């Protein structure tokens, strides 16, 4: 199910992809429309940057499997800069 934006209309997921239902650490879904909007916009920006990096690498003759592995590794190594 797509979240509802501030105007009350359904937000579209990029190219047939459904946005995730965002959850708090306690498992409850995030219900703040503005938070959901920011999270979904961030996700789309990351998706587009990764798409661009993949396409650049392929055009330069890199191995697609390796590029995907490197991108996954970036996510796996992310750390929060603050304590919750």
Foldseek 3Di string as FASTA:
>chain_A
DADAAPVRHGDDQPPPDHDDQDADPVGHTDDDRVVSVVVRVVVVVVVVVLVVVLVVCVVVPHDNVVSVVVVVVVVVPDDDPDDD
